[in-house]
Amino acid sequence: MAPTTRRRALGTFAAALATGVAAPQLAHAGAGPRGPRPLPRAHAHNDYDHPRPLFDALDHRFASVEADIYLVDGELLVAHDPVDLDPERTLAALYLAPLAARVRAQHGSVYRGRRLSLQLLVDIKTEGDATYRELDRQLRRYPGLFTTYARGRVRTGPVTAVVSGDRAAGPVIAAQRTRSAFYDGRLTDLGGPAPAGLIPLISDNWTNTFTWQGSGPMPPAERARLRGIVSAAHARGQRVRFWATPDVAGPERDAVWAESIAADVDHLNTDDLAGLEAFLDAHDRPHGTRAR
């Protein structure tokens, strides 16, 4: 999207929030006590690249969105590559403020009448320590919005922030006695000492563990490995996500998604919002995975 178009879109969102008038996409949640059924497995990879960051994913009922952030002159900017940085595309403008407004408008939840906590996966692209400390400051500006950790207990909020990317953020998060964010682990963390209260999510590159890309049957040994990973994570109260899975519409992608659902993988990664929504409506059980 061109910078001028981005600024115009952000201006529309800002005007709606400032006047207290819900933008049209907020009304999509429905007029009754419960809105559309969200899709707990649906994860919007590189969500900020869509024409309407966040709102397109919510219109497709996604339960998880991903934003890459850079710390630039004290502000958190959202982009995939440094060349795309725009001072008006901040984490606060694209995600934090709109989520806060939506939760207020929908009486304490992202999806009206639904207890699911939306996952905001924040992928740190600059030095992890300094970037996370600024993220922590910004999250704390929204009391009641985010899931928190304090005194050894997790209190679930409408949105759960999980930090990924630069690994220097991990020790900083682990050292906090109170926080509004959690850490995205890797398969090397599975079975380790860190509890789900620190690492609620285990994410990794599909191609580092599996050779199968959806063509023909999944090899039995790889199917067993996938199910073993999920079972081990779930036994510790952790969720599982893989990136770098096939994402071109076709039988290979469908096969990988089907095997992932059969193994109870918690989040399916995609840039194709409508495609995953349709697939989950057709193939996933109605209640989806566990909402946390």
Protein backbone atom coordinates (compact mmCIF):
# COMPACT_ATOMS: atom_id res chain seq x y z
CA MET A 1 0.00 0.00 0.00
CA ALA A 2 1.34 3.45 -0.88
CA PRO A 3 2.19 5.78 2.04
CA THR A 4 -0.58 8.23 1.04
CA THR A 5 -3.16 5.45 1.01
CA ARG A 6 -1.89 4.18 4.35
CA ARG A 7 -2.15 7.65 5.91
CA ARG A 8 -5.70 8.06 4.58
CA ALA A 9 -6.73 4.68 6.03
CA LEU A 10 -5.14 5.44 9.39
CA GLY A 11 -6.84 8.82 9.41
CA THR A 12 -10.21 7.15 8.90
CA PHE A 13 -9.57 4.79 11.81
CA ALA A 14 -8.35 7.62 14.03
CA ALA A 15 -11.37 9.77 13.27
CA ALA A 16 -13.74 6.94 14.10
CA LEU A 17 -11.99 6.27 17.40
CA ALA A 18 -11.73 9.93 18.37
CA THR A 19 -15.45 10.55 17.87
CA GLY A 20 -16.44 7.37 19.62
CA VAL A 21 -18.20 6.12 16.48
CA ALA A 22 -17.46 2.49 15.68
CA ALA A 23 -15.96 1.98 12.23
CA PRO A 24 -18.05 -0.19 9.89
CA GLN A 25 -15.89 -3.23 10.50
CA LEU A 26 -16.61 -3.03 14.25
CA ALA A 27 -20.31 -3.37 13.54
CA HIS A 28 -19.57 -6.72 11.89
CA ALA A 29 -19.62 -8.34 15.34
CA GLY A 30 -23.41 -8.36 15.25
CA ALA A 31 -26.18 -6.64 17.17
CA GLY A 32 -27.10 -9.55 19.43
CA PRO A 33 -25.44 -10.71 22.66
CA ARG A 34 -23.00 -12.90 20.74
CA GLY A 35 -21.16 -12.05 17.56
CA PRO A 36 -19.78 -14.37 14.87
CA ARG A 37 -17.96 -17.50 16.02
CA PRO A 38 -14.22 -16.77 15.99
CA LEU A 39 -11.76 -19.28 14.57
CA PRO A 40 -9.24 -20.13 17.32
CA ARG A 41 -6.80 -21.81 14.91
CA ALA A 42 -6.63 -18.91 12.46
CA HIS A 43 -3.38 -16.91 12.59
CA ALA A 44 -2.83 -13.92 10.27
CA HIS A 45 0.85 -14.02 9.35
CA ASN A 46 2.25 -10.58 8.42
CA ASP A 47 -1.18 -9.18 9.23
CA TYR A 48 -0.03 -5.58 8.66
CA ASP A 49 0.41 -6.27 4.93
CA HIS A 50 -3.35 -6.53 4.40
CA PRO A 51 -5.30 -3.48 3.15
CA ARG A 52 -6.82 -2.99 6.62
CA PRO A 53 -4.40 -4.32 9.23
CA LEU A 54 -6.19 -6.04 12.11
CA PHE A 55 -9.68 -5.32 10.80
CA ASP A 56 -9.43 -7.62 7.78
CA ALA A 57 -8.37 -10.45 10.10
CA LEU A 58 -11.21 -9.70 12.52
CA ASP A 59 -13.73 -9.60 9.68
CA HIS A 60 -12.55 -13.12 8.79
CA ARG A 61 -12.90 -14.13 12.49
CA PHE A 62 -9.18 -14.75 13.13
CA ALA A 63 -8.07 -15.35 16.71
CA SER A 64 -4.41 -14.44 16.21
CA VAL A 65 -2.62 -11.67 14.32
CA GLU A 66 1.09 -10.99 13.81
CA ALA A 67 2.88 -7.65 13.63
CA ASP A 68 6.60 -7.10 13.01
CA ILE A 69 8.01 -4.11 14.91
CA TYR A 70 11.08 -1.88 14.72
CA LEU A 71 12.20 0.54 17.40
CA VAL A 72 12.91 3.82 15.58
CA ASP A 73 13.59 7.05 17.48
CA GLY A 74 11.70 5.80 20.50
CA GLU A 75 8.62 4.64 18.55
CA LEU A 76 7.49 1.16 17.54
CA LEU A 77 6.89 1.05 13.79
CA VAL A 78 5.23 -1.85 11.99
CA ALA A 79 6.78 -3.22 8.79
CA HIS A 80 8.31 -6.37 7.35
CA ASP A 81 11.49 -4.73 6.04
CA PRO A 82 13.24 -1.48 6.98
CA VAL A 83 12.55 -0.02 3.54
CA ASP A 84 8.81 -0.14 4.34
CA LEU A 85 9.02 1.83 7.60
CA ASP A 86 6.48 4.67 7.81
CA PRO A 87 6.32 6.91 10.91
CA GLU A 88 2.52 6.86 10.77
CA ARG A 89 2.32 3.05 10.85
CA THR A 90 2.91 2.58 14.55
CA LEU A 91 1.96 -0.41 16.66
CA ALA A 92 -0.28 1.82 18.73
CA ALA A 93 -2.12 3.25 15.71
CA LEU A 94 -2.58 -0.04 13.85
CA TYR A 95 -3.22 -2.42 16.75
CA LEU A 96 -3.20 -1.18 20.34
CA ALA A 97 -5.64 1.73 20.13
CA PRO A 98 -8.07 -0.02 17.74
CA LEU A 99 -8.13 -3.13 19.94
CA ALA A 100 -8.80 -1.04 23.03
CA ALA A 101 -11.65 0.75 21.25
CA ARG A 102 -13.15 -2.50 20.00
CA VAL A 103 -13.04 -4.13 23.43
CA ARG A 104 -14.74 -1.08 24.97
CA ALA A 105 -17.41 -1.11 22.28
CA GLN A 106 -18.04 -4.84 22.74
CA HIS A 107 -18.28 -4.91 26.51
CA GLY A 108 -14.92 -6.43 27.32
CA SER A 109 -14.16 -8.79 24.44
CA VAL A 110 -12.72 -8.66 20.94
CA TYR A 111 -15.58 -10.84 19.70
CA ARG A 112 -18.88 -9.90 21.30
CA GLY A 113 -20.04 -12.47 23.83
CA ARG A 114 -17.01 -14.73 23.23
CA ARG A 115 -14.45 -15.49 25.93
CA LEU A 116 -11.59 -16.10 23.50
CA SER A 117 -8.50 -13.93 24.09
CA LEU A 118 -7.12 -12.61 20.79
CA GLN A 119 -3.43 -13.36 20.40
CA LEU A 120 -1.27 -10.42 19.31
CA LEU A 121 2.03 -11.94 18.22
CA VAL A 122 4.65 -9.18 18.16
CA ASP A 123 7.77 -10.08 16.18
CA ILE A 124 10.73 -7.91 17.26
CA LYS A 125 13.01 -6.98 14.37
CA THR A 126 15.41 -4.63 16.19
CA GLU A 127 17.54 -5.27 19.28
CA GLY A 128 15.34 -7.26 21.62
CA ASP A 129 16.12 -5.73 25.01
CA ALA A 130 15.47 -2.08 24.13
CA THR A 131 12.57 -2.88 21.77
CA TYR A 132 10.81 -5.03 24.34
CA ARG A 133 11.19 -2.42 27.07
CA GLU A 134 9.41 0.12 24.87
CA LEU A 135 6.75 -2.46 24.01
CA ASP A 136 6.25 -3.15 27.72
CA ARG A 137 5.75 0.57 28.37
CA GLN A 138 3.16 0.81 25.63
CA LEU A 139 1.22 -2.27 26.68
CA ARG A 140 0.93 -0.92 30.23
CA ARG A 141 -0.91 2.12 28.90
CA TYR A 142 -3.95 -0.12 28.33
CA PRO A 143 -4.92 -1.52 31.75
CA GLY A 144 -7.44 -4.33 31.51
CA LEU A 145 -6.83 -4.98 27.83
CA PHE A 146 -3.96 -7.49 27.98
CA THR A 147 -3.46 -10.81 29.70
CA THR A 148 -1.08 -10.19 32.61
CA TYR A 149 1.33 -12.13 34.78
CA ALA A 150 1.78 -11.12 38.42
CA ARG A 151 2.83 -12.96 41.56
CA GLY A 152 3.08 -16.23 39.72
CA ARG A 153 -0.46 -16.07 38.33
CA VAL A 154 -1.83 -15.40 34.86
CA ARG A 155 -4.95 -13.26 34.51
CA THR A 156 -6.51 -13.58 31.06
CA GLY A 157 -7.54 -10.40 29.30
CA PRO A 158 -9.30 -9.73 25.99
CA VAL A 159 -5.92 -9.68 24.19
CA THR A 160 -2.79 -11.75 24.89
CA ALA A 161 0.51 -10.26 23.71
CA VAL A 162 3.19 -12.82 22.84
CA VAL A 163 6.69 -11.62 21.93
CA SER A 164 8.66 -13.30 19.16
CA GLY A 165 11.66 -12.35 17.04
CA ASP A 166 14.94 -11.16 18.55
CA ARG A 167 15.75 -13.63 21.33
CA ALA A 168 17.37 -11.02 23.58
CA ALA A 169 13.86 -10.12 24.72
CA GLY A 170 13.40 -13.53 26.39
CA PRO A 171 15.58 -13.00 29.48
CA VAL A 172 14.08 -9.54 30.02
CA ILE A 173 10.55 -10.95 29.99
CA ALA A 174 11.51 -13.86 32.24
CA ALA A 175 13.00 -11.52 34.83
CA GLN A 176 9.84 -9.42 35.22
CA ARG A 177 7.71 -10.04 38.30
CA THR A 178 4.73 -8.38 36.63
CA ARG A 179 4.21 -8.07 32.90
CA SER A 180 1.65 -7.69 30.13
CA ALA A 181 3.37 -9.98 27.62
CA PHE A 182 4.58 -13.54 27.20
CA TYR A 183 7.29 -15.25 25.17
CA ASP A 184 7.13 -17.27 21.96
CA GLY A 185 9.23 -20.42 22.44
CA ARG A 186 10.86 -22.74 19.93
CA LEU A 187 10.88 -26.53 19.74
CA THR A 188 14.14 -26.42 21.69
CA ASP A 189 12.13 -24.96 24.59
CA LEU A 190 9.60 -27.80 24.55
CA GLY A 191 9.94 -29.81 27.73
CA GLY A 192 12.34 -27.28 29.24
CA PRO A 193 12.04 -25.56 32.60
CA ALA A 194 10.09 -22.48 31.40
CA PRO A 195 6.38 -22.81 32.30
CA ALA A 196 3.37 -21.90 30.18
CA GLY A 197 3.08 -18.77 32.30
CA LEU A 198 6.20 -17.53 30.50
CA ILE A 199 6.06 -19.49 27.21
CA PRO A 200 2.42 -20.18 26.29
CA LEU A 201 3.27 -20.71 22.60
CA ILE A 202 5.77 -22.97 20.84
CA SER A 203 6.46 -21.84 17.27
CA ASP A 204 8.93 -23.14 14.71
CA ASN A 205 9.76 -23.44 11.04
CA TRP A 206 7.85 -26.35 9.50
CA THR A 207 10.70 -27.15 7.10
CA ASN A 208 13.19 -27.59 9.95
CA THR A 209 11.22 -30.57 11.26
CA PHE A 210 9.23 -31.98 8.33
CA THR A 211 10.13 -32.78 4.73
CA TRP A 212 6.50 -33.34 3.70
CA GLN A 213 4.94 -30.38 1.86
CA GLY A 214 1.47 -31.81 1.26
CA SER A 215 2.12 -33.91 -1.84
CA GLY A 216 0.92 -37.49 -1.35
CA PRO A 217 0.32 -39.00 2.08
CA MET A 218 2.21 -37.62 5.06
CA PRO A 219 4.99 -40.07 5.99
CA PRO A 220 3.90 -42.04 9.09
CA ALA A 221 7.06 -41.12 11.00
CA GLU A 222 6.48 -37.41 10.37
CA ARG A 223 2.81 -37.70 11.32
CA ALA A 224 3.84 -39.34 14.59
CA ARG A 225 6.45 -36.62 15.17
CA LEU A 226 3.87 -33.87 14.62
CA ARG A 227 1.38 -35.44 17.00
CA GLY A 228 4.10 -36.04 19.57
CA ILE A 229 5.09 -32.37 19.50
CA VAL A 230 1.51 -31.22 19.97
CA SER A 231 0.82 -33.72 22.75
CA ALA A 232 3.96 -32.70 24.62
CA ALA A 233 3.08 -29.01 24.37
CA HIS A 234 -0.53 -29.49 25.38
CA ALA A 235 0.52 -31.54 28.40
CA ARG A 236 2.32 -28.41 29.63
CA GLY A 237 -0.53 -26.03 28.74
CA GLN A 238 1.26 -24.65 25.68
CA ARG A 239 0.00 -24.03 22.17
CA VAL A 240 1.74 -24.91 18.89
CA ARG A 241 2.26 -22.96 15.66
CA PHE A 242 4.41 -23.61 12.59
CA TRP A 243 5.47 -21.04 10.04
CA ALA A 244 6.81 -21.67 6.50
CA THR A 245 3.97 -24.10 5.76
CA PRO A 246 2.62 -24.20 2.18
CA ASP A 247 0.39 -21.17 1.61
CA VAL A 248 -0.52 -21.33 -2.08
CA ALA A 249 -4.13 -22.39 -2.60
CA GLY A 250 -4.31 -26.00 -3.72
CA PRO A 251 -4.36 -29.62 -2.57
CA GLU A 252 -0.89 -29.46 -0.95
CA ARG A 253 -1.83 -26.62 1.35
CA ASP A 254 -5.15 -28.26 2.15
CA ALA A 255 -3.37 -31.52 3.01
CA VAL A 256 -0.96 -29.79 5.42
CA TRP A 257 -3.80 -27.91 7.05
CA ALA A 258 -5.86 -31.10 7.37
CA GLU A 259 -2.99 -33.01 9.00
CA SER A 260 -2.38 -30.06 11.32
CA ILE A 261 -6.01 -30.02 12.43
CA ALA A 262 -5.97 -33.80 12.91
CA ALA A 263 -2.92 -33.39 15.16
CA ASP A 264 -4.64 -30.50 17.01
CA VAL A 265 -2.08 -27.86 16.05
CA ASP A 266 -3.41 -24.70 17.67
CA HIS A 267 -2.63 -22.04 15.04
CA LEU A 268 -2.50 -22.36 11.25
CA ASN A 269 -0.30 -19.73 9.60
CA THR A 270 -1.56 -17.93 6.49
CA ASP A 271 -1.56 -14.75 4.43
CA ASP A 272 -4.80 -15.90 2.73
CA LEU A 273 -7.46 -14.85 5.23
CA ALA A 274 -10.50 -15.86 3.19
CA GLY A 275 -8.92 -19.17 2.19
CA LEU A 276 -8.20 -20.28 5.74
CA GLU A 277 -11.58 -19.07 6.99
CA ALA A 278 -13.37 -21.16 4.36
CA PHE A 279 -11.17 -24.19 5.07
CA LEU A 280 -11.75 -24.08 8.82
CA ASP A 281 -15.50 -23.61 8.38
CA ALA A 282 -15.56 -26.70 6.18
CA HIS A 283 -13.09 -28.96 8.00
CA ASP A 284 -12.58 -27.95 11.63
CA ARG A 285 -14.81 -29.02 14.47
CA PRO A 286 -17.17 -26.20 15.53
CA HIS A 287 -15.61 -25.48 18.90
CA GLY A 288 -12.08 -25.28 17.43
CA THR A 289 -9.10 -25.54 19.73
CA ARG A 290 -8.92 -24.49 23.34
CA ALA A 291 -9.33 -20.75 23.82
CA ARG A 292 -6.81 -19.29 26.25
